[in-house]
C-alpha atoms as a PDB file:
ATOM      1  CA  ILE A   1      70.811-189.471-158.833  1.00  0.00           C
ATOM      2  CA  ILE A   2      72.113-186.245-157.468  1.00  0.00           C
ATOM      3  CA  GLU A   3      74.158-186.447-159.950  1.00  0.00           C
ATOM      4  CA  PHE A   4      71.923-187.300-162.704  1.00  0.00           C
ATOM      5  CA  ARG A   5      69.913-184.392-161.803  1.00  0.00           C
ATOM      6  CA  ASN A   6      72.187-181.553-161.935  1.00  0.00           C
ATOM      7  CA  ILE A   7      73.646-183.021-165.251  1.00  0.00           C
ATOM      8  CA  LEU A   8      69.777-182.815-166.332  1.00  0.00           C
ATOM      9  CA  THR A   9      69.512-179.290-164.793  1.00  0.00           C
ATOM     10  CA  ARG A  10      72.792-178.845-166.910  1.00  0.00           C
ATOM     11  CA  PHE A  11      71.262-179.816-169.864  1.00  0.00           C
ATOM     12  CA  MET A  12      68.309-178.101-169.547  1.00  0.00           C
ATOM     13  CA  GLN A  13      70.007-174.604-169.326  1.00  0.00           C
ATOM     14  CA  GLU A  14      71.984-175.286-172.293  1.00  0.00           C
ATOM     15  CA  ARG A  15      69.139-176.569-174.224  1.00  0.00           C
ATOM     16  CA  ARG A  16      66.969-173.346-173.454  1.00  0.00           C
ATOM     17  CA  HIS A  17      69.764-171.211-174.479  1.00  0.00           C
ATOM     18  CA  LEU A  18      70.401-173.062-177.445  1.00  0.00           C
ATOM     19  CA  LYS A  19      66.637-173.009-178.127  1.00  0.00           C
ATOM     20  CA  GLN A  20      66.361-169.286-177.811  1.00  0.00           C
ATOM     21  CA  SER A  21      69.523-168.869-180.287  1.00  0.00           C
ATOM     22  CA  ILE A  22      67.402-171.125-183.118  1.00  0.00           C
ATOM     23  CA  LEU A  23      64.579-168.944-182.499  1.00  0.00           C
ATOM     24  CA  ALA A  24      66.345-165.649-182.727  1.00  0.00           C
ATOM     25  CA  GLN A  25      68.444-166.763-186.045  1.00  0.00           C
ATOM     26  CA  ARG A  26      64.844-167.286-187.590  1.00  0.00           C
ATOM     27  CA  GLU A  27      63.943-163.400-186.870  1.00  0.00           C
ATOM     28  CA  LYS A  28      67.194-161.856-187.794  1.00  0.00           C
ATOM     29  CA  GLY A  29      68.519-159.894-190.544  1.00  0.00           C
ATOM     30  CA  ALA A  30      68.545-156.234-192.145  1.00  0.00           C
ATOM     31  CA  GLU A  31      65.346-157.752-194.438  1.00  0.00           C
ATOM     32  CA  LYS A  32      63.292-157.555-191.135  1.00  0.00           C
ATOM     33  CA  LEU A  33      63.573-154.102-190.439  1.00  0.00           C
ATOM     34  CA  VAL A  34      60.613-151.769-192.009  1.00  0.00           C
ATOM     35  CA  GLY A  35      60.442-148.602-193.792  1.00  0.00           C
ATOM     36  CA  GLU A  36      62.381-146.857-196.532  1.00  0.00           C
ATOM     37  CA  SER A  37      63.484-143.810-195.506  1.00  0.00           C
ATOM     38  CA  GLU A  38      66.647-142.272-196.433  1.00  0.00           C
ATOM     39  CA  VAL A  39      67.207-142.746-192.126  1.00  0.00           C
ATOM     40  CA  MET A  40      66.149-146.277-192.459  1.00  0.00           C
ATOM     41  CA  LYS A  41      68.626-146.972-195.975  1.00  0.00           C
ATOM     42  CA  ARG A  42      71.061-145.657-194.078  1.00  0.00           C
ATOM     43  CA  LEU A  43      70.811-147.633-190.463  1.00  0.00           C
ATOM     44  CA  ARG A  44      70.682-150.618-193.250  1.00  0.00           C
ATOM     45  CA  GLN A  45      73.658-149.563-194.731  1.00  0.00           C
ATOM     46  CA  GLU A  46      75.305-149.609-191.125  1.00  0.00           C
ATOM     47  CA  ILE A  47      74.477-153.000-189.793  1.00  0.00           C
ATOM     48  CA  ALA A  48      75.854-154.187-193.031  1.00  0.00           C
ATOM     49  CA  THR A  49      79.192-152.739-192.331  1.00  0.00           C
ATOM     50  CA  ALA A  50      78.977-154.281-188.636  1.00  0.00           C
ATOM     51  CA  ALA A  51      78.365-157.065-189.813  1.00  0.00           C
ATOM     52  CA  GLU A  52      81.200-157.483-192.162  1.00  0.00           C
ATOM     53  CA  VAL A  53      83.423-157.644-188.964  1.00  0.00           C
ATOM     54  CA  LYS A  54      83.825-158.845-185.862  1.00  0.00           C
ATOM     55  CA  ALA A  55      84.734-156.000-183.889  1.00  0.00           C
ATOM     56  CA  PRO A  56      82.760-154.656-180.971  1.00  0.00           C
ATOM     57  CA  VAL A  57      79.215-152.298-181.463  1.00  0.00           C
ATOM     58  CA  LEU A  58      77.334-150.126-179.161  1.00  0.00           C
ATOM     59  CA  ILE A  59      74.196-149.394-180.132  1.00  0.00           C
ATOM     60  CA  THR A  60      72.360-145.918-178.485  1.00  0.00           C
ATOM     61  CA  GLY A  61      69.114-144.891-178.741  1.00  0.00           C
ATOM     62  CA  GLU A  62      66.156-144.606-176.526  1.00  0.00           C
ATOM     63  CA  THR A  63      64.002-147.418-174.809  1.00  0.00           C
ATOM     64  CA  GLY A  64      61.594-149.206-177.300  1.00  0.00           C
ATOM     65  CA  THR A  65      63.967-147.768-180.805  1.00  0.00           C
ATOM     66  CA  GLY A  66      64.692-151.442-181.346  1.00  0.00           C
ATOM     67  CA  LYS A  67      68.172-151.317-180.534  1.00  0.00           C
ATOM     68  CA  GLU A  68      68.191-155.743-180.320  1.00  0.00           C
ATOM     69  CA  LEU A  69      66.387-155.869-183.018  1.00  0.00           C
ATOM     70  CA  VAL A  70      69.368-153.978-185.042  1.00  0.00           C
ATOM     71  CA  ALA A  71      71.784-156.429-182.993  1.00  0.00           C
ATOM     72  CA  ARG A  72      69.994-159.590-184.079  1.00  0.00           C
ATOM     73  CA  ALA A  73      70.195-157.693-187.988  1.00  0.00           C
ATOM     74  CA  ILE A  74      73.805-157.475-187.197  1.00  0.00           C
ATOM     75  CA  CYS A  75      74.216-160.784-186.442  1.00  0.00           C
ATOM     76  CA  GLY A  76      71.949-162.422-188.971  1.00  0.00           C
ATOM     77  CA  ASP A  77      73.585-160.522-192.045  1.00  0.00           C
ATOM     78  CA  SER A  78      77.266-161.600-190.586  1.00  0.00           C
ATOM     79  CA  SER A  79      78.943-164.616-192.406  1.00  0.00           C
ATOM     80  CA  GLY A  80      78.437-166.862-190.016  1.00  0.00           C
ATOM     81  CA  ARG A  81      74.566-167.001-190.464  1.00  0.00           C
ATOM     82  CA  GLY A  82      74.039-170.551-188.577  1.00  0.00           C
ATOM     83  CA  GLU A  83      75.837-168.204-185.159  1.00  0.00           C
ATOM     84  CA  VAL A  84      74.631-168.032-181.874  1.00  0.00           C
ATOM     85  CA  PHE A  85      73.184-164.660-180.138  1.00  0.00           C
ATOM     86  CA  ALA A  86      73.228-165.177-176.482  1.00  0.00           C
ATOM     87  CA  LYS A  87      71.198-161.888-175.065  1.00  0.00           C
ATOM     88  CA  VAL A  88      71.848-160.182-171.595  1.00  0.00           C
ATOM     89  CA  ASP A  89      70.018-157.874-169.664  1.00  0.00           C
ATOM     90  CA  CYS A  90      72.673-156.293-168.041  1.00  0.00           C
ATOM     91  CA  GLY A  91      69.405-153.924-165.992  1.00  0.00           C
ATOM     92  CA  THR A  92      67.621-156.853-164.783  1.00  0.00           C
ATOM     93  CA  LEU A  93      70.485-158.966-163.194  1.00  0.00           C
ATOM     94  CA  SER A  94      71.815-158.132-159.371  1.00  0.00           C
ATOM     95  CA  ALA A  95      75.646-157.250-159.586  1.00  0.00           C
ATOM     96  CA  SER A  96      76.039-160.631-157.683  1.00  0.00           C
ATOM     97  CA  ILE A  97      74.543-162.960-160.272  1.00  0.00           C
ATOM     98  CA  ILE A  98      75.139-161.290-163.434  1.00  0.00           C
ATOM     99  CA  GLU A  99      79.379-162.541-163.114  1.00  0.00           C
ATOM    100  CA  SER A 100      77.883-166.283-162.677  1.00  0.00           C
ATOM    101  CA  GLU A 101      75.539-165.455-165.531  1.00  0.00           C
ATOM    102  CA  LEU A 102      78.229-164.105-168.317  1.00  0.00           C
ATOM    103  CA  PHE A 103      81.359-166.020-167.122  1.00  0.00           C
ATOM    104  CA  GLY A 104      79.878-169.267-165.566  1.00  0.00           C
ATOM    105  CA  HIS A 105      81.529-170.689-162.330  1.00  0.00           C
ATOM    106  CA  GLU A 106      83.429-173.338-161.119  1.00  0.00           C
ATOM    107  CA  ARG A 107      81.993-176.360-158.349  1.00  0.00           C
ATOM    108  CA  GLY A 108      82.302-174.782-154.848  1.00  0.00           C
ATOM    109  CA  ALA A 109      82.917-170.772-155.771  1.00  0.00           C
ATOM    110  CA  PHE A 110      80.009-170.141-153.691  1.00  0.00           C
ATOM    111  CA  THR A 111      77.548-171.985-151.229  1.00  0.00           C
ATOM    112  CA  ASP A 112      75.085-172.616-154.379  1.00  0.00           C
ATOM    113  CA  ALA A 113      77.549-173.466-156.772  1.00  0.00           C
ATOM    114  CA  ARG A 114      77.648-177.932-156.994  1.00  0.00           C
ATOM    115  CA  ARG A 115      78.455-178.430-160.585  1.00  0.00           C
ATOM    116  CA  ASP A 116      80.707-175.987-162.935  1.00  0.00           C
ATOM    117  CA  LYS A 117      78.160-174.120-165.233  1.00  0.00           C
ATOM    118  CA  LYS A 118      78.885-172.494-168.632  1.00  0.00           C
ATOM    119  CA  GLY A 119      78.344-168.598-168.683  1.00  0.00           C
ATOM    120  CA  LEU A 120      76.887-167.023-171.929  1.00  0.00           C
ATOM    121  CA  VAL A 121      80.146-165.733-173.117  1.00  0.00           C
ATOM    122  CA  GLU A 122      81.080-169.777-173.421  1.00  0.00           C
ATOM    123  CA  ILE A 123      77.970-170.554-174.845  1.00  0.00           C
ATOM    124  CA  ALA A 124      78.179-167.933-177.500  1.00  0.00           C
ATOM    125  CA  ASP A 125      81.929-169.111-178.578  1.00  0.00           C
ATOM    126  CA  GLY A 126      81.718-168.878-182.035  1.00  0.00           C
ATOM    127  CA  GLY A 127      78.917-165.658-182.166  1.00  0.00           C
ATOM    128  CA  THR A 128      77.378-163.106-180.816  1.00  0.00           C
ATOM    129  CA  LEU A 129      77.178-161.773-177.446  1.00  0.00           C
ATOM    130  CA  PHE A 130      74.164-158.933-176.797  1.00  0.00           C
ATOM    131  CA  LEU A 131      75.206-156.923-173.467  1.00  0.00           C
ATOM    132  CA  ASP A 132      71.249-154.988-173.302  1.00  0.00           C
ATOM    133  CA  GLU A 133      71.904-151.647-171.005  1.00  0.00           C
ATOM    134  CA  ILE A 134      75.554-152.041-170.758  1.00  0.00           C
ATOM    135  CA  GLY A 135      75.492-148.373-168.979  1.00  0.00           C
ATOM    136  CA  THR A 136      73.985-150.912-165.895  1.00  0.00           C
ATOM    137  CA  LEU A 137      77.152-153.105-166.185  1.00  0.00           C
ATOM    138  CA  PRO A 138      78.871-153.114-162.352  1.00  0.00           C
ATOM    139  CA  VAL A 139      82.076-151.489-162.445  1.00  0.00           C
ATOM    140  CA  GLU A 140      83.683-154.027-160.735  1.00  0.00           C
ATOM    141  CA  LEU A 141      82.561-156.718-163.940  1.00  0.00           C
ATOM    142  CA  GLN A 142      83.952-154.064-166.621  1.00  0.00           C
ATOM    143  CA  PRO A 143      87.542-154.703-165.855  1.00  0.00           C
ATOM    144  CA  LYS A 144      86.799-158.323-166.845  1.00  0.00           C
ATOM    145  CA  LEU A 145      84.613-157.541-170.162  1.00  0.00           C
ATOM    146  CA  LEU A 146      87.464-155.549-171.038  1.00  0.00           C
ATOM    147  CA  ARG A 147      90.149-158.669-170.949  1.00  0.00           C
ATOM    148  CA  LEU A 148      87.099-160.176-172.792  1.00  0.00           C
ATOM    149  CA  ILE A 149      87.138-157.596-175.358  1.00  0.00           C
ATOM    150  CA  GLU A 150      91.214-157.721-175.653  1.00  0.00           C
ATOM    151  CA  GLU A 151      92.169-160.558-175.785  1.00  0.00           C
ATOM    152  CA  GLY A 152      88.958-163.544-176.168  1.00  0.00           C
ATOM    153  CA  THR A 153      90.030-164.960-172.941  1.00  0.00           C
ATOM    154  CA  PHE A 154      88.091-165.141-169.117  1.00  0.00           C
ATOM    155  CA  ARG A 155      88.061-167.091-165.775  1.00  0.00           C
ATOM    156  CA  ARG A 156      84.608-168.768-164.755  1.00  0.00           C
ATOM    157  CA  VAL A 157      84.194-167.294-161.037  1.00  0.00           C
ATOM    158  CA  GLY A 158      85.881-169.238-158.826  1.00  0.00           C
ATOM    159  CA  GLY A 159      88.216-170.624-161.773  1.00  0.00           C
ATOM    160  CA  LEU A 160      91.612-170.482-161.682  1.00  0.00           C
ATOM    161  CA  ARG A 161      92.548-171.468-165.476  1.00  0.00           C
ATOM    162  CA  ASP A 162      91.789-169.069-168.493  1.00  0.00           C
ATOM    163  CA  ILE A 163      89.376-170.192-171.631  1.00  0.00           C
ATOM    164  CA  ASN A 164      89.751-168.779-174.519  1.00  0.00           C
ATOM    165  CA  VAL A 165      86.968-167.945-176.784  1.00  0.00           C
ATOM    166  CA  SER A 166      86.032-166.289-180.382  1.00  0.00           C
ATOM    167  CA  ILE A 167      83.036-164.163-180.067  1.00  0.00           C
ATOM    168  CA  ARG A 168      81.471-160.985-181.025  1.00  0.00           C
ATOM    169  CA  ILE A 169      80.347-158.083-178.745  1.00  0.00           C
ATOM    170  CA  ILE A 170      77.165-156.161-179.715  1.00  0.00           C
ATOM    171  CA  ALA A 171      76.352-153.934-176.776  1.00  0.00           C
ATOM    172  CA  ALA A 172      73.241-151.541-176.292  1.00  0.00           C
ATOM    173  CA  THR A 173      72.365-148.819-173.937  1.00  0.00           C
ATOM    174  CA  ASN A 174      69.771-145.926-173.475  1.00  0.00           C
ATOM    175  CA  LYS A 175      72.393-144.048-171.843  1.00  0.00           C
ATOM    176  CA  ASN A 176      74.524-141.249-173.075  1.00  0.00           C
ATOM    177  CA  LEU A 177      77.768-142.848-171.866  1.00  0.00           C
ATOM    178  CA  GLU A 178      79.760-139.638-172.625  1.00  0.00           C
ATOM    179  CA  GLU A 179      78.157-137.882-170.684  1.00  0.00           C
ATOM    180  CA  GLU A 180      78.142-140.226-167.664  1.00  0.00           C
ATOM    181  CA  VAL A 181      82.239-140.514-167.621  1.00  0.00           C
ATOM    182  CA  LYS A 182      81.692-137.161-167.620  1.00  0.00           C
ATOM    183  CA  ASN A 183      79.400-137.060-164.388  1.00  0.00           C
ATOM    184  CA  LYS A 184      81.153-139.323-163.260  1.00  0.00           C
ATOM    185  CA  ASN A 185      78.089-141.835-162.857  1.00  0.00           C
END
């Protein structure tokens, strides 16, 4: 009965992520952006350009300016219209939780890891991973993220084998990252 409960819990978590992705698909695309100013026309053009490639994208802007809406538009305007859009708000998760949330974990990796768990990177395979407030990502996770970007591989927490994925990464921040690097923050 415990194993059934674990399977049911895992199913419900993956169902929740997929449901969020499906709902996001209904609200995506640059056609959802309102306005006809030159700035908005240029933004739509940049979204169309970014949507054509699977290269990582960084969106910067102040809080409340619609960075997630732009990320969803890039995802929605890409050729894989049915692709998954998985979102992680890096600023709301602690360093100890975000690694497992992103990369998943293997059974026994830590005290409460009673089963294998897919992370959002694995769930987003074939789609887009949106890292909101990337400037708050813990420094110790940056090499793992860099490996994912460069090689398309990662390991779950406690895992021994590499997992290959094909995802586009879109990151957003309200911080001036160049200034942060200069100030060594």
